Amino acid sequence: MKNVLSKTFLAGIVHLLMVLTVSAQKKISELSLIYDYSAGAVVQGSKQPSTNEYAVHSVYIKGSKSRSEMTSPLFSSTTLFDANTGAAVILKEVSGQKLLIRLSPENWVERNKGYEGMVFTNTSETRDIAGYKCIKAVARTKSGITVTVFYTRDLVPENREYDPAFKTLEGLPLEYELTNGDIQIRYRINKINLNPVPASKFDIPKTGYREMNYEESKKLNIGG
């Protein structure tokens, strides 16, 4: 009888802990994220990169749809993706040219194959970012790029496909770095907005862009 009661008690404790963990998480179907982006070479003997490129990286999620923007004084690039269909559209503005590139689900998988099989390993390091407790995790791509991320479990996007690099992450990335040799790219959260995202954010332009498919863009080296 004691063993039965003991097992029942332990099972109750485990269930309670699971309930508390789930209740602490906030599943999000819509949100906007603004990151500060910087890139440069890591100076020997210093943990800080010699930054020579700045941009703003914006992410918008609404249900199955996501919009990722990168804007700088020199260029802008926007990716619209629908997780339900697997199809995407890339909008680019470079040197006065406005390009619209359509990707089939197969194209999307090919474009992001570098992130396949990436597994994040949590560390014991934590950090408070934007009022959220974040856990440090590290992963490595097949090509040898190290991805270091601080993410929170308090906000979990329902759409896990919005960023192929983080679809296996157990929460929302608020800071992350990609290191390849002596080159380091950094993203730092600037703003989190949990208000509804306008549906117009995901509209595909009908005019003003030169349209091409993914294969054509690869030949011109602009499909990334």
N, C-alpha and C. Protein backbone atom coordinates (compact mmCIF):
# COMPACT_ATOMS: atom_id res chain seq x y z
N MET A 1 0.82 -1.21 0.00
CA MET A 1 0.00 0.00 0.00
C MET A 1 0.86 1.26 0.00
N LYS A 2 1.94 1.22 0.80
CA LYS A 2 2.83 2.38 0.86
C LYS A 2 3.41 2.70 -0.51
N ASN A 3 3.85 1.62 -1.22
CA ASN A 3 4.43 1.82 -2.54
C ASN A 3 3.43 2.42 -3.51
N VAL A 4 2.18 1.95 -3.43
CA VAL A 4 1.13 2.46 -4.30
C VAL A 4 0.89 3.94 -4.02
N LEU A 5 0.79 4.30 -2.73
CA LEU A 5 0.57 5.69 -2.35
C LEU A 5 1.75 6.56 -2.77
N SER A 6 2.96 6.02 -2.60
CA SER A 6 4.17 6.77 -2.97
C SER A 6 4.19 7.06 -4.46
N LYS A 7 3.86 6.03 -5.27
CA LYS A 7 3.85 6.21 -6.72
C LYS A 7 2.77 7.20 -7.14
N THR A 8 1.61 7.12 -6.47
CA THR A 8 0.52 8.05 -6.78
C THR A 8 0.92 9.48 -6.45
N PHE A 9 1.59 9.66 -5.30
CA PHE A 9 2.03 10.98 -4.88
C PHE A 9 3.05 11.56 -5.88
N LEU A 10 4.02 10.73 -6.26
CA LEU A 10 5.04 11.18 -7.22
C LEU A 10 4.41 11.54 -8.56
N ALA A 11 3.47 10.71 -9.00
CA ALA A 11 2.79 10.99 -10.27
C ALA A 11 2.05 12.32 -10.20
N GLY A 12 1.44 12.59 -9.02
CA GLY A 12 0.74 13.86 -8.83
C GLY A 12 1.68 15.04 -8.89
N ILE A 13 2.86 14.90 -8.29
CA ILE A 13 3.86 15.97 -8.30
C ILE A 13 4.34 16.24 -9.72
N VAL A 14 4.64 15.17 -10.46
CA VAL A 14 5.10 15.32 -11.85
C VAL A 14 4.04 16.01 -12.69
N HIS A 15 2.77 15.60 -12.51
CA HIS A 15 1.68 16.23 -13.26
C HIS A 15 1.56 17.71 -12.92
N LEU A 16 1.68 18.04 -11.63
CA LEU A 16 1.59 19.43 -11.20
C LEU A 16 2.70 20.27 -11.83
N LEU A 17 3.91 19.72 -11.84
CA LEU A 17 5.04 20.44 -12.43
C LEU A 17 4.82 20.68 -13.92
N MET A 18 4.26 19.68 -14.61
CA MET A 18 3.97 19.83 -16.03
C MET A 18 2.92 20.90 -16.27
N VAL A 19 1.90 20.92 -15.44
CA VAL A 19 0.84 21.94 -15.56
C VAL A 19 1.41 23.33 -15.33
N LEU A 20 2.24 23.46 -14.29
CA LEU A 20 2.84 24.77 -13.99
C LEU A 20 3.73 25.24 -15.12
N THR A 21 4.50 24.31 -15.73
CA THR A 21 5.38 24.68 -16.83
C THR A 21 4.58 25.15 -18.03
N VAL A 22 3.51 24.42 -18.37
CA VAL A 22 2.69 24.78 -19.51
C VAL A 22 1.99 26.11 -19.27
N SER A 23 1.48 26.32 -18.04
CA SER A 23 0.76 27.55 -17.74
C SER A 23 1.68 28.76 -17.76
N ALA A 24 2.98 28.55 -17.49
CA ALA A 24 3.93 29.66 -17.50
C ALA A 24 4.23 30.10 -18.93
N GLN A 25 4.08 29.17 -19.89
CA GLN A 25 4.30 29.52 -21.28
C GLN A 25 3.09 30.25 -21.84
N LYS A 26 3.37 31.18 -22.74
CA LYS A 26 2.29 31.91 -23.38
C LYS A 26 2.37 31.63 -24.87
N LYS A 27 1.43 30.84 -25.38
CA LYS A 27 1.39 30.53 -26.79
C LYS A 27 0.92 31.77 -27.55
N ILE A 28 1.69 32.15 -28.55
CA ILE A 28 1.41 33.38 -29.28
C ILE A 28 1.09 33.06 -30.73
N SER A 29 -0.06 33.54 -31.23
CA SER A 29 -0.40 33.35 -32.63
C SER A 29 -0.04 34.57 -33.47
N GLU A 30 0.08 35.74 -32.81
CA GLU A 30 0.45 36.97 -33.52
C GLU A 30 1.45 37.76 -32.69
N LEU A 31 2.48 38.24 -33.34
CA LEU A 31 3.42 39.12 -32.67
C LEU A 31 4.35 39.77 -33.69
N SER A 32 4.98 40.86 -33.23
CA SER A 32 5.96 41.57 -34.04
C SER A 32 7.26 41.67 -33.25
N LEU A 33 8.37 41.44 -33.91
CA LEU A 33 9.69 41.50 -33.28
C LEU A 33 10.60 42.41 -34.10
N ILE A 34 11.28 43.31 -33.42
CA ILE A 34 12.25 44.18 -34.08
C ILE A 34 13.62 43.92 -33.47
N TYR A 35 14.58 43.51 -34.30
CA TYR A 35 15.94 43.24 -33.85
C TYR A 35 16.90 44.25 -34.45
N ASP A 36 17.93 44.59 -33.69
CA ASP A 36 19.07 45.34 -34.24
C ASP A 36 20.06 44.33 -34.77
N TYR A 37 20.46 44.51 -36.02
CA TYR A 37 21.37 43.58 -36.69
C TYR A 37 22.73 44.24 -36.88
N SER A 38 23.78 43.48 -36.62
CA SER A 38 25.14 43.97 -36.90
C SER A 38 25.99 42.80 -37.36
N ALA A 39 26.99 43.09 -38.17
CA ALA A 39 27.87 42.04 -38.68
C ALA A 39 29.28 42.61 -38.84
N GLY A 40 30.25 41.74 -38.64
CA GLY A 40 31.63 42.16 -38.78
C GLY A 40 32.59 41.05 -38.42
N ALA A 41 33.86 41.37 -38.47
CA ALA A 41 34.90 40.39 -38.15
C ALA A 41 35.24 40.46 -36.67
N VAL A 42 35.46 39.30 -36.05
CA VAL A 42 35.86 39.24 -34.66
C VAL A 42 37.34 39.56 -34.56
N VAL A 43 37.66 40.57 -33.75
CA VAL A 43 39.05 40.97 -33.57
C VAL A 43 39.73 39.99 -32.61
N GLN A 44 40.92 39.54 -32.97
CA GLN A 44 41.63 38.58 -32.13
C GLN A 44 41.86 39.15 -30.74
N GLY A 45 41.53 38.34 -29.72
CA GLY A 45 41.71 38.78 -28.34
C GLY A 45 40.52 39.54 -27.79
N SER A 46 39.48 39.70 -28.62
CA SER A 46 38.28 40.42 -28.18
C SER A 46 37.06 39.60 -28.49
N LYS A 47 36.05 39.63 -27.60
CA LYS A 47 34.81 38.92 -27.83
C LYS A 47 33.85 39.74 -28.69
N GLN A 48 34.18 41.02 -28.88
CA GLN A 48 33.30 41.89 -29.64
C GLN A 48 33.77 41.99 -31.10
N PRO A 49 32.85 41.87 -32.05
CA PRO A 49 33.24 41.99 -33.46
C PRO A 49 33.50 43.43 -33.85
N SER A 50 34.37 43.62 -34.83
CA SER A 50 34.58 44.93 -35.40
C SER A 50 33.45 45.17 -36.40
N THR A 51 32.38 45.79 -35.96
CA THR A 51 31.16 45.88 -36.75
C THR A 51 31.31 46.87 -37.89
N ASN A 52 30.94 46.41 -39.09
CA ASN A 52 30.99 47.31 -40.24
C ASN A 52 29.69 47.29 -41.04
N GLU A 53 28.66 46.65 -40.49
CA GLU A 53 27.38 46.61 -41.17
C GLU A 53 26.25 46.62 -40.15
N TYR A 54 25.27 47.51 -40.35
CA TYR A 54 24.13 47.60 -39.45
C TYR A 54 22.84 47.51 -40.26
N ALA A 55 21.82 46.97 -39.65
CA ALA A 55 20.51 46.89 -40.30
C ALA A 55 19.45 46.67 -39.23
N VAL A 56 18.21 46.72 -39.65
CA VAL A 56 17.07 46.41 -38.77
C VAL A 56 16.39 45.17 -39.31
N HIS A 57 16.19 44.20 -38.45
CA HIS A 57 15.54 42.94 -38.82
C HIS A 57 14.18 42.90 -38.12
N SER A 58 13.12 42.84 -38.91
CA SER A 58 11.76 42.84 -38.37
C SER A 58 11.07 41.53 -38.73
N VAL A 59 10.35 40.97 -37.76
CA VAL A 59 9.62 39.72 -37.97
C VAL A 59 8.17 39.92 -37.55
N TYR A 60 7.24 39.51 -38.42
CA TYR A 60 5.82 39.61 -38.13
C TYR A 60 5.20 38.22 -38.31
N ILE A 61 4.41 37.78 -37.34
CA ILE A 61 3.77 36.48 -37.40
C ILE A 61 2.27 36.66 -37.18
N LYS A 62 1.50 36.04 -38.05
CA LYS A 62 0.03 36.07 -37.91
C LYS A 62 -0.48 34.70 -38.37
N GLY A 63 -0.80 33.85 -37.41
CA GLY A 63 -1.23 32.50 -37.75
C GLY A 63 -0.14 31.74 -38.49
N SER A 64 -0.48 31.20 -39.64
CA SER A 64 0.49 30.43 -40.42
C SER A 64 1.40 31.31 -41.27
N LYS A 65 1.10 32.61 -41.33
CA LYS A 65 1.86 33.51 -42.19
C LYS A 65 2.94 34.26 -41.41
N SER A 66 4.06 34.48 -42.06
CA SER A 66 5.15 35.24 -41.44
C SER A 66 5.78 36.16 -42.47
N ARG A 67 6.32 37.26 -41.97
CA ARG A 67 7.02 38.24 -42.81
C ARG A 67 8.32 38.59 -42.11
N SER A 68 9.41 38.45 -42.82
CA SER A 68 10.74 38.76 -42.28
C SER A 68 11.37 39.83 -43.15
N GLU A 69 11.77 40.95 -42.54
CA GLU A 69 12.34 42.08 -43.28
C GLU A 69 13.75 42.39 -42.79
N MET A 70 14.61 42.74 -43.73
CA MET A 70 15.94 43.25 -43.40
C MET A 70 16.12 44.56 -44.16
N THR A 71 16.34 45.65 -43.42
CA THR A 71 16.48 46.95 -44.08
C THR A 71 17.74 47.65 -43.60
N SER A 72 18.44 48.24 -44.55
CA SER A 72 19.64 49.03 -44.26
C SER A 72 19.69 50.16 -45.28
N PRO A 73 20.61 51.11 -45.11
CA PRO A 73 20.72 52.19 -46.11
C PRO A 73 21.06 51.69 -47.51
N LEU A 74 21.64 50.49 -47.62
CA LEU A 74 22.10 49.99 -48.91
C LEU A 74 21.12 49.05 -49.61
N PHE A 75 20.27 48.37 -48.85
CA PHE A 75 19.37 47.40 -49.47
C PHE A 75 18.19 47.11 -48.55
N SER A 76 17.21 46.40 -49.12
CA SER A 76 16.12 45.87 -48.29
C SER A 76 15.69 44.53 -48.88
N SER A 77 15.30 43.63 -48.01
CA SER A 77 14.86 42.31 -48.44
C SER A 77 13.73 41.85 -47.52
N THR A 78 12.66 41.35 -48.12
CA THR A 78 11.50 40.88 -47.36
C THR A 78 11.12 39.48 -47.82
N THR A 79 10.87 38.61 -46.85
CA THR A 79 10.44 37.24 -47.16
C THR A 79 9.05 37.02 -46.57
N LEU A 80 8.11 36.63 -47.42
CA LEU A 80 6.75 36.29 -47.00
C LEU A 80 6.60 34.77 -47.12
N PHE A 81 6.17 34.13 -46.03
CA PHE A 81 6.08 32.67 -46.03
C PHE A 81 4.77 32.23 -45.42
N ASP A 82 4.16 31.21 -46.03
CA ASP A 82 2.93 30.63 -45.51
C ASP A 82 3.21 29.18 -45.13
N ALA A 83 3.18 28.90 -43.84
CA ALA A 83 3.50 27.55 -43.37
C ALA A 83 2.46 26.53 -43.80
N ASN A 84 1.25 26.97 -44.12
CA ASN A 84 0.20 26.05 -44.56
C ASN A 84 0.48 25.51 -45.96
N THR A 85 0.96 26.38 -46.84
CA THR A 85 1.22 25.97 -48.22
C THR A 85 2.68 25.59 -48.46
N GLY A 86 3.57 26.13 -47.61
CA GLY A 86 5.00 25.89 -47.80
C GLY A 86 5.63 26.78 -48.85
N ALA A 87 4.84 27.67 -49.46
CA ALA A 87 5.35 28.55 -50.51
C ALA A 87 5.77 29.89 -49.92
N ALA A 88 6.65 30.59 -50.65
CA ALA A 88 7.18 31.88 -50.16
C ALA A 88 7.39 32.85 -51.32
N VAL A 89 7.51 34.10 -50.95
CA VAL A 89 7.84 35.16 -51.90
C VAL A 89 8.94 36.02 -51.29
N ILE A 90 9.97 36.33 -52.06
CA ILE A 90 11.04 37.21 -51.60
C ILE A 90 10.96 38.51 -52.39
N LEU A 91 10.97 39.62 -51.68
CA LEU A 91 10.99 40.95 -52.30
C LEU A 91 12.34 41.59 -52.02
N LYS A 92 13.00 42.05 -53.08
CA LYS A 92 14.31 42.66 -52.90
C LYS A 92 14.38 44.01 -53.61
N GLU A 93 15.07 44.94 -52.95
CA GLU A 93 15.35 46.24 -53.57
C GLU A 93 16.85 46.48 -53.46
N VAL A 94 17.53 46.42 -54.60
CA VAL A 94 18.99 46.59 -54.64
C VAL A 94 19.33 47.50 -55.81
N SER A 95 20.07 48.56 -55.52
CA SER A 95 20.54 49.49 -56.56
C SER A 95 19.39 49.97 -57.44
N GLY A 96 18.28 50.26 -56.83
CA GLY A 96 17.14 50.80 -57.56
C GLY A 96 16.27 49.75 -58.23
N GLN A 97 16.68 48.48 -58.21
CA GLN A 97 15.88 47.41 -58.79
C GLN A 97 14.94 46.82 -57.75
N LYS A 98 13.70 46.56 -58.18
CA LYS A 98 12.72 45.92 -57.30
C LYS A 98 12.38 44.56 -57.89
N LEU A 99 12.70 43.51 -57.14
CA LEU A 99 12.55 42.14 -57.64
C LEU A 99 11.58 41.35 -56.77
N LEU A 100 10.77 40.52 -57.41
CA LEU A 100 9.85 39.62 -56.71
C LEU A 100 10.18 38.20 -57.14
N ILE A 101 10.56 37.37 -56.17
CA ILE A 101 11.00 36.00 -56.46
C ILE A 101 10.02 35.03 -55.79
N ARG A 102 9.44 34.15 -56.59
CA ARG A 102 8.49 33.17 -56.05
C ARG A 102 9.19 31.85 -55.79
N LEU A 103 8.88 31.27 -54.60
CA LEU A 103 9.47 30.00 -54.21
C LEU A 103 8.38 28.96 -53.99
N SER A 104 8.54 27.81 -54.61
CA SER A 104 7.64 26.69 -54.35
C SER A 104 8.04 26.07 -53.02
N PRO A 105 7.21 25.18 -52.46
CA PRO A 105 7.61 24.49 -51.22
C PRO A 105 8.96 23.79 -51.35
N GLU A 106 9.23 23.21 -52.54
CA GLU A 106 10.51 22.54 -52.77
C GLU A 106 11.65 23.55 -52.77
N ASN A 107 11.42 24.72 -53.37
CA ASN A 107 12.43 25.78 -53.37
C ASN A 107 12.74 26.23 -51.95
N TRP A 108 11.69 26.36 -51.14
CA TRP A 108 11.85 26.82 -49.76
C TRP A 108 12.71 25.84 -48.96
N VAL A 109 12.44 24.56 -49.13
CA VAL A 109 13.24 23.54 -48.45
C VAL A 109 14.69 23.61 -48.89
N GLU A 110 14.91 23.75 -50.20
CA GLU A 110 16.27 23.83 -50.73
C GLU A 110 17.01 25.06 -50.19
N ARG A 111 16.31 26.19 -50.17
CA ARG A 111 16.93 27.44 -49.71
C ARG A 111 17.38 27.36 -48.26
N ASN A 112 16.66 26.57 -47.45
CA ASN A 112 16.94 26.51 -46.01
C ASN A 112 17.54 25.18 -45.57
N LYS A 113 18.07 24.42 -46.51
CA LYS A 113 18.59 23.09 -46.16
C LYS A 113 19.79 23.17 -45.22
N GLY A 114 20.45 24.32 -45.16
CA GLY A 114 21.59 24.48 -44.27
C GLY A 114 21.23 24.35 -42.79
N TYR A 115 19.93 24.53 -42.47
CA TYR A 115 19.49 24.42 -41.08
C TYR A 115 18.96 23.03 -40.72
N GLU A 116 18.90 22.14 -41.70
CA GLU A 116 18.36 20.81 -41.44
C GLU A 116 19.21 20.06 -40.42
N GLY A 117 18.54 19.38 -39.51
CA GLY A 117 19.24 18.57 -38.52
C GLY A 117 19.91 19.35 -37.40
N MET A 118 19.66 20.67 -37.35
CA MET A 118 20.30 21.48 -36.33
C MET A 118 19.62 21.23 -34.98
N VAL A 119 20.42 20.91 -33.97
CA VAL A 119 19.89 20.61 -32.63
C VAL A 119 20.49 21.58 -31.63
N PHE A 120 19.62 22.25 -30.86
CA PHE A 120 20.08 23.19 -29.84
C PHE A 120 20.31 22.47 -28.52
N THR A 121 21.43 22.79 -27.90
CA THR A 121 21.76 22.23 -26.58
C THR A 121 21.73 23.35 -25.56
N ASN A 122 20.88 23.23 -24.55
CA ASN A 122 20.79 24.25 -23.51
C ASN A 122 22.05 24.24 -22.64
N THR A 123 22.43 25.43 -22.16
CA THR A 123 23.51 25.56 -21.20
C THR A 123 22.91 26.00 -19.87
N SER A 124 23.75 26.15 -18.87
CA SER A 124 23.28 26.59 -17.55
C SER A 124 23.20 28.12 -17.46
N GLU A 125 23.64 28.80 -18.49
CA GLU A 125 23.67 30.27 -18.46
C GLU A 125 22.29 30.85 -18.78
N THR A 126 21.88 31.83 -18.00
CA THR A 126 20.62 32.52 -18.24
C THR A 126 20.86 34.03 -18.25
N ARG A 127 19.91 34.76 -18.80
CA ARG A 127 20.04 36.21 -18.87
C ARG A 127 18.64 36.81 -18.95
N ASP A 128 18.45 37.95 -18.31
CA ASP A 128 17.18 38.67 -18.39
C ASP A 128 17.25 39.62 -19.59
N ILE A 129 16.33 39.44 -20.54
CA ILE A 129 16.30 40.28 -21.74
C ILE A 129 14.89 40.78 -21.96
N ALA A 130 14.73 42.08 -22.01
CA ALA A 130 13.43 42.71 -22.26
C ALA A 130 12.37 42.26 -21.25
N GLY A 131 12.82 41.93 -20.03
CA GLY A 131 11.90 41.51 -18.99
C GLY A 131 11.57 40.03 -19.00
N TYR A 132 12.23 39.26 -19.86
CA TYR A 132 11.99 37.82 -19.93
C TYR A 132 13.24 37.06 -19.56
N LYS A 133 13.06 35.99 -18.78
CA LYS A 133 14.19 35.13 -18.45
C LYS A 133 14.54 34.30 -19.67
N CYS A 134 15.81 34.36 -20.06
CA CYS A 134 16.25 33.66 -21.27
C CYS A 134 17.33 32.62 -20.95
N ILE A 135 17.27 31.52 -21.69
CA ILE A 135 18.23 30.43 -21.55
C ILE A 135 19.19 30.47 -22.73
N LYS A 136 20.44 30.26 -22.47
CA LYS A 136 21.43 30.21 -23.55
C LYS A 136 21.48 28.80 -24.13
N ALA A 137 21.41 28.71 -25.46
CA ALA A 137 21.52 27.43 -26.14
C ALA A 137 22.45 27.58 -27.33
N VAL A 138 23.08 26.48 -27.71
CA VAL A 138 24.06 26.50 -28.80
C VAL A 138 23.76 25.37 -29.78
N ALA A 139 23.92 25.67 -31.06
CA ALA A 139 23.76 24.65 -32.10
C ALA A 139 24.81 24.89 -33.18
N ARG A 140 24.95 23.92 -34.06
CA ARG A 140 25.93 24.03 -35.14
C ARG A 140 25.32 23.48 -36.43
N THR A 141 25.48 24.24 -37.51
CA THR A 141 24.96 23.77 -38.79
C THR A 141 25.92 22.77 -39.41
N LYS A 142 25.45 22.08 -40.44
CA LYS A 142 26.30 21.10 -41.12
C LYS A 142 27.53 21.75 -41.76
N SER A 143 27.39 23.02 -42.12
CA SER A 143 28.51 23.72 -42.76
C SER A 143 29.49 24.31 -41.74
N GLY A 144 29.20 24.14 -40.45
CA GLY A 144 30.14 24.58 -39.42
C GLY A 144 29.85 25.92 -38.79
N ILE A 145 28.70 26.52 -39.10
CA ILE A 145 28.33 27.79 -38.49
C ILE A 145 27.80 27.54 -37.08
N THR A 146 28.33 28.26 -36.11
CA THR A 146 27.86 28.14 -34.72
C THR A 146 26.75 29.14 -34.47
N VAL A 147 25.62 28.66 -33.96
CA VAL A 147 24.48 29.52 -33.64
C VAL A 147 24.31 29.53 -32.12
N THR A 148 24.48 30.70 -31.54
CA THR A 148 24.32 30.88 -30.09
C THR A 148 23.11 31.76 -29.85
N VAL A 149 22.18 31.28 -29.04
CA VAL A 149 20.92 32.00 -28.86
C VAL A 149 20.54 32.08 -27.39
N PHE A 150 19.96 33.22 -27.01
CA PHE A 150 19.29 33.37 -25.73
C PHE A 150 17.79 33.42 -26.03
N TYR A 151 17.03 32.45 -25.52
CA TYR A 151 15.61 32.38 -25.85
C TYR A 151 14.78 32.27 -24.57
N THR A 152 13.53 32.72 -24.68
CA THR A 152 12.62 32.63 -23.55
C THR A 152 11.55 31.59 -23.82
N ARG A 153 11.20 30.84 -22.78
CA ARG A 153 10.10 29.88 -22.86
C ARG A 153 8.77 30.53 -22.49
N ASP A 154 8.82 31.79 -22.07
CA ASP A 154 7.59 32.48 -21.66
C ASP A 154 6.72 32.86 -22.85
N LEU A 155 7.35 33.01 -24.02
CA LEU A 155 6.62 33.32 -25.25
C LEU A 155 6.97 32.26 -26.28
N VAL A 156 5.97 31.50 -26.71
CA VAL A 156 6.21 30.43 -27.66
C VAL A 156 5.31 30.63 -28.88
N PRO A 157 5.87 30.97 -30.04
CA PRO A 157 5.04 31.14 -31.24
C PRO A 157 4.33 29.84 -31.62
N GLU A 158 3.03 29.93 -31.90
CA GLU A 158 2.31 28.76 -32.38
C GLU A 158 2.84 28.32 -33.74
N ASN A 159 3.24 29.30 -34.54
CA ASN A 159 3.83 29.02 -35.85
C ASN A 159 5.33 28.81 -35.66
N ARG A 160 5.77 27.54 -35.61
CA ARG A 160 7.17 27.22 -35.39
C ARG A 160 7.98 27.27 -36.68
N GLU A 161 7.30 27.48 -37.81
CA GLU A 161 7.98 27.47 -39.11
C GLU A 161 8.40 28.85 -39.58
N TYR A 162 8.14 29.89 -38.77
CA TYR A 162 8.39 31.25 -39.24
C TYR A 162 9.86 31.52 -39.53
N ASP A 163 10.76 30.82 -38.84
CA ASP A 163 12.20 30.94 -39.09
C ASP A 163 12.80 29.54 -39.09
N PRO A 164 13.28 29.06 -40.24
CA PRO A 164 13.81 27.69 -40.33
C PRO A 164 14.94 27.40 -39.35
N ALA A 165 15.67 28.43 -38.95
CA ALA A 165 16.79 28.22 -38.02
C ALA A 165 16.31 27.85 -36.62
N PHE A 166 15.08 28.26 -36.27
CA PHE A 166 14.62 28.10 -34.88
C PHE A 166 13.38 27.23 -34.74
N LYS A 167 13.06 26.44 -35.74
CA LYS A 167 11.83 25.65 -35.64
C LYS A 167 11.91 24.55 -34.58
N THR A 168 13.11 24.18 -34.16
CA THR A 168 13.25 23.17 -33.09
C THR A 168 13.55 23.81 -31.74
N LEU A 169 13.64 25.14 -31.70
CA LEU A 169 13.91 25.82 -30.44
C LEU A 169 12.68 25.79 -29.55
N GLU A 170 12.89 25.68 -28.23
CA GLU A 170 11.78 25.52 -27.30
C GLU A 170 11.18 26.84 -26.84
N GLY A 171 11.36 27.89 -27.61
CA GLY A 171 10.82 29.17 -27.22
C GLY A 171 11.14 30.22 -28.26
N LEU A 172 11.15 31.49 -27.83
CA LEU A 172 11.34 32.63 -28.73
C LEU A 172 12.75 33.21 -28.58
N PRO A 173 13.52 33.29 -29.67
CA PRO A 173 14.87 33.86 -29.58
C PRO A 173 14.83 35.38 -29.44
N LEU A 174 15.51 35.90 -28.41
CA LEU A 174 15.57 37.34 -28.21
C LEU A 174 16.95 37.92 -28.53
N GLU A 175 17.96 37.09 -28.42
CA GLU A 175 19.31 37.49 -28.86
C GLU A 175 19.96 36.26 -29.49
N TYR A 176 20.66 36.46 -30.60
CA TYR A 176 21.39 35.34 -31.16
C TYR A 176 22.54 35.81 -32.05
N GLU A 177 23.50 34.91 -32.20
CA GLU A 177 24.71 35.19 -32.98
C GLU A 177 25.00 34.01 -33.90
N LEU A 178 25.46 34.31 -35.10
CA LEU A 178 25.92 33.30 -36.03
C LEU A 178 27.41 33.57 -36.27
N THR A 179 28.24 32.58 -35.95
CA THR A 179 29.68 32.74 -36.07
C THR A 179 30.23 31.74 -37.07
N ASN A 180 30.93 32.26 -38.07
CA ASN A 180 31.54 31.43 -39.09
C ASN A 180 32.98 31.90 -39.28
N GLY A 181 33.93 31.15 -38.68
CA GLY A 181 35.32 31.61 -38.69
C GLY A 181 35.44 32.88 -37.88
N ASP A 182 35.96 33.94 -38.49
CA ASP A 182 36.11 35.21 -37.77
C ASP A 182 34.99 36.19 -38.09
N ILE A 183 33.94 35.72 -38.79
CA ILE A 183 32.80 36.57 -39.11
C ILE A 183 31.66 36.27 -38.15
N GLN A 184 31.10 37.33 -37.58
CA GLN A 184 30.01 37.16 -36.63
C GLN A 184 28.85 38.09 -36.97
N ILE A 185 27.65 37.50 -36.99
CA ILE A 185 26.42 38.25 -37.23
C ILE A 185 25.60 38.23 -35.94
N ARG A 186 25.13 39.39 -35.52
CA ARG A 186 24.43 39.48 -34.23
C ARG A 186 23.04 40.07 -34.41
N TYR A 187 22.09 39.54 -33.65
CA TYR A 187 20.73 40.05 -33.59
C TYR A 187 20.39 40.32 -32.13
N ARG A 188 19.92 41.54 -31.84
CA ARG A 188 19.55 41.92 -30.48
C ARG A 188 18.14 42.48 -30.50
N ILE A 189 17.25 41.93 -29.65
CA ILE A 189 15.87 42.39 -29.67
C ILE A 189 15.79 43.85 -29.25
N ASN A 190 15.02 44.61 -30.00
CA ASN A 190 14.82 46.02 -29.70
C ASN A 190 13.39 46.26 -29.21
N LYS A 191 12.45 45.49 -29.78
CA LYS A 191 11.05 45.71 -29.42
C LYS A 191 10.24 44.43 -29.64
N ILE A 192 9.33 44.16 -28.70
CA ILE A 192 8.39 43.05 -28.83
C ILE A 192 6.98 43.62 -28.75
N ASN A 193 6.15 43.31 -29.72
CA ASN A 193 4.78 43.81 -29.75
C ASN A 193 3.83 42.62 -29.88
N LEU A 194 2.95 42.45 -28.90
CA LEU A 194 2.02 41.32 -28.90
C LEU A 194 0.64 41.68 -29.44
N ASN A 195 0.52 42.88 -30.01
CA ASN A 195 -0.75 43.30 -30.59
C ASN A 195 -1.00 42.58 -31.92
N PRO A 196 -2.26 42.51 -32.36
CA PRO A 196 -2.56 41.86 -33.66
C PRO A 196 -1.78 42.52 -34.80
N VAL A 197 -1.33 41.70 -35.74
CA VAL A 197 -0.59 42.18 -36.90
C VAL A 197 -1.56 42.41 -38.06
N PRO A 198 -1.50 43.57 -38.72
CA PRO A 198 -2.42 43.82 -39.85
C PRO A 198 -2.24 42.79 -40.95
N ALA A 199 -3.36 42.31 -41.49
CA ALA A 199 -3.31 41.30 -42.56
C ALA A 199 -2.58 41.84 -43.79
N SER A 200 -2.60 43.16 -43.97
CA SER A 200 -1.95 43.77 -45.13
C SER A 200 -0.44 43.55 -45.15
N LYS A 201 0.14 43.23 -44.00
CA LYS A 201 1.58 42.97 -43.92
C LYS A 201 1.98 41.80 -44.82
N PHE A 202 1.02 40.94 -45.14
CA PHE A 202 1.32 39.71 -45.86
C PHE A 202 0.82 39.74 -47.31
N ASP A 203 0.40 40.94 -47.75
CA ASP A 203 -0.04 41.09 -49.13
C ASP A 203 1.17 41.03 -50.07
N ILE A 204 1.00 40.36 -51.19
CA ILE A 204 2.05 40.28 -52.20
C ILE A 204 1.80 41.36 -53.25
N PRO A 205 2.79 42.22 -53.51
CA PRO A 205 2.60 43.30 -54.49
C PRO A 205 2.20 42.76 -55.86
N LYS A 206 1.29 43.45 -56.52
CA LYS A 206 0.84 43.04 -57.85
C LYS A 206 1.55 43.81 -58.96
N THR A 207 2.12 44.96 -58.61
CA THR A 207 2.81 45.78 -59.61
C THR A 207 4.09 46.37 -59.01
N GLY A 208 4.94 46.90 -59.88
CA GLY A 208 6.12 47.62 -59.44
C GLY A 208 7.36 46.77 -59.26
N TYR A 209 7.23 45.44 -59.46
CA TYR A 209 8.36 44.54 -59.27
C TYR A 209 8.62 43.72 -60.53
N ARG A 210 9.87 43.47 -60.80
CA ARG A 210 10.24 42.52 -61.84
C ARG A 210 10.13 41.13 -61.23
N GLU A 211 9.27 40.27 -61.81
CA GLU A 211 9.02 38.97 -61.21
C GLU A 211 9.85 37.87 -61.87
N MET A 212 10.34 36.95 -61.05
CA MET A 212 11.09 35.80 -61.55
C MET A 212 10.90 34.62 -60.61
N ASN A 213 11.25 33.43 -61.09
CA ASN A 213 11.17 32.26 -60.22
C ASN A 213 12.50 32.05 -59.50
N TYR A 214 12.51 31.07 -58.63
CA TYR A 214 13.70 30.84 -57.79
C TYR A 214 14.90 30.41 -58.62
N GLU A 215 14.68 29.57 -59.62
CA GLU A 215 15.79 29.10 -60.45
C GLU A 215 16.44 30.26 -61.20
N GLU A 216 15.63 31.18 -61.69
CA GLU A 216 16.16 32.36 -62.39
C GLU A 216 16.97 33.22 -61.44
N SER A 217 16.48 33.38 -60.20
CA SER A 217 17.18 34.22 -59.23
C SER A 217 18.53 33.62 -58.84
N LYS A 218 18.60 32.29 -58.79
CA LYS A 218 19.86 31.64 -58.44
C LYS A 218 20.91 31.89 -59.51
N LYS A 219 20.50 31.91 -60.76
CA LYS A 219 21.45 32.17 -61.86
C LYS A 219 22.05 33.57 -61.75
N LEU A 220 21.23 34.49 -61.20
CA LEU A 220 21.70 35.87 -61.02
C LEU A 220 22.31 36.08 -59.62
N ASN A 221 22.34 35.01 -58.82
CA ASN A 221 22.90 35.04 -57.47
C ASN A 221 22.16 36.03 -56.57
N ILE A 222 20.85 36.04 -56.67
CA ILE A 222 20.04 36.95 -55.84
C ILE A 222 18.91 36.20 -55.13
N GLY A 223 19.00 34.89 -55.06
CA GLY A 223 17.89 34.13 -54.49
C GLY A 223 17.97 33.97 -52.98
N GLY A 224 19.04 34.50 -52.35
CA GLY A 224 19.18 34.30 -50.92
C GLY A 224 18.38 35.25 -50.08
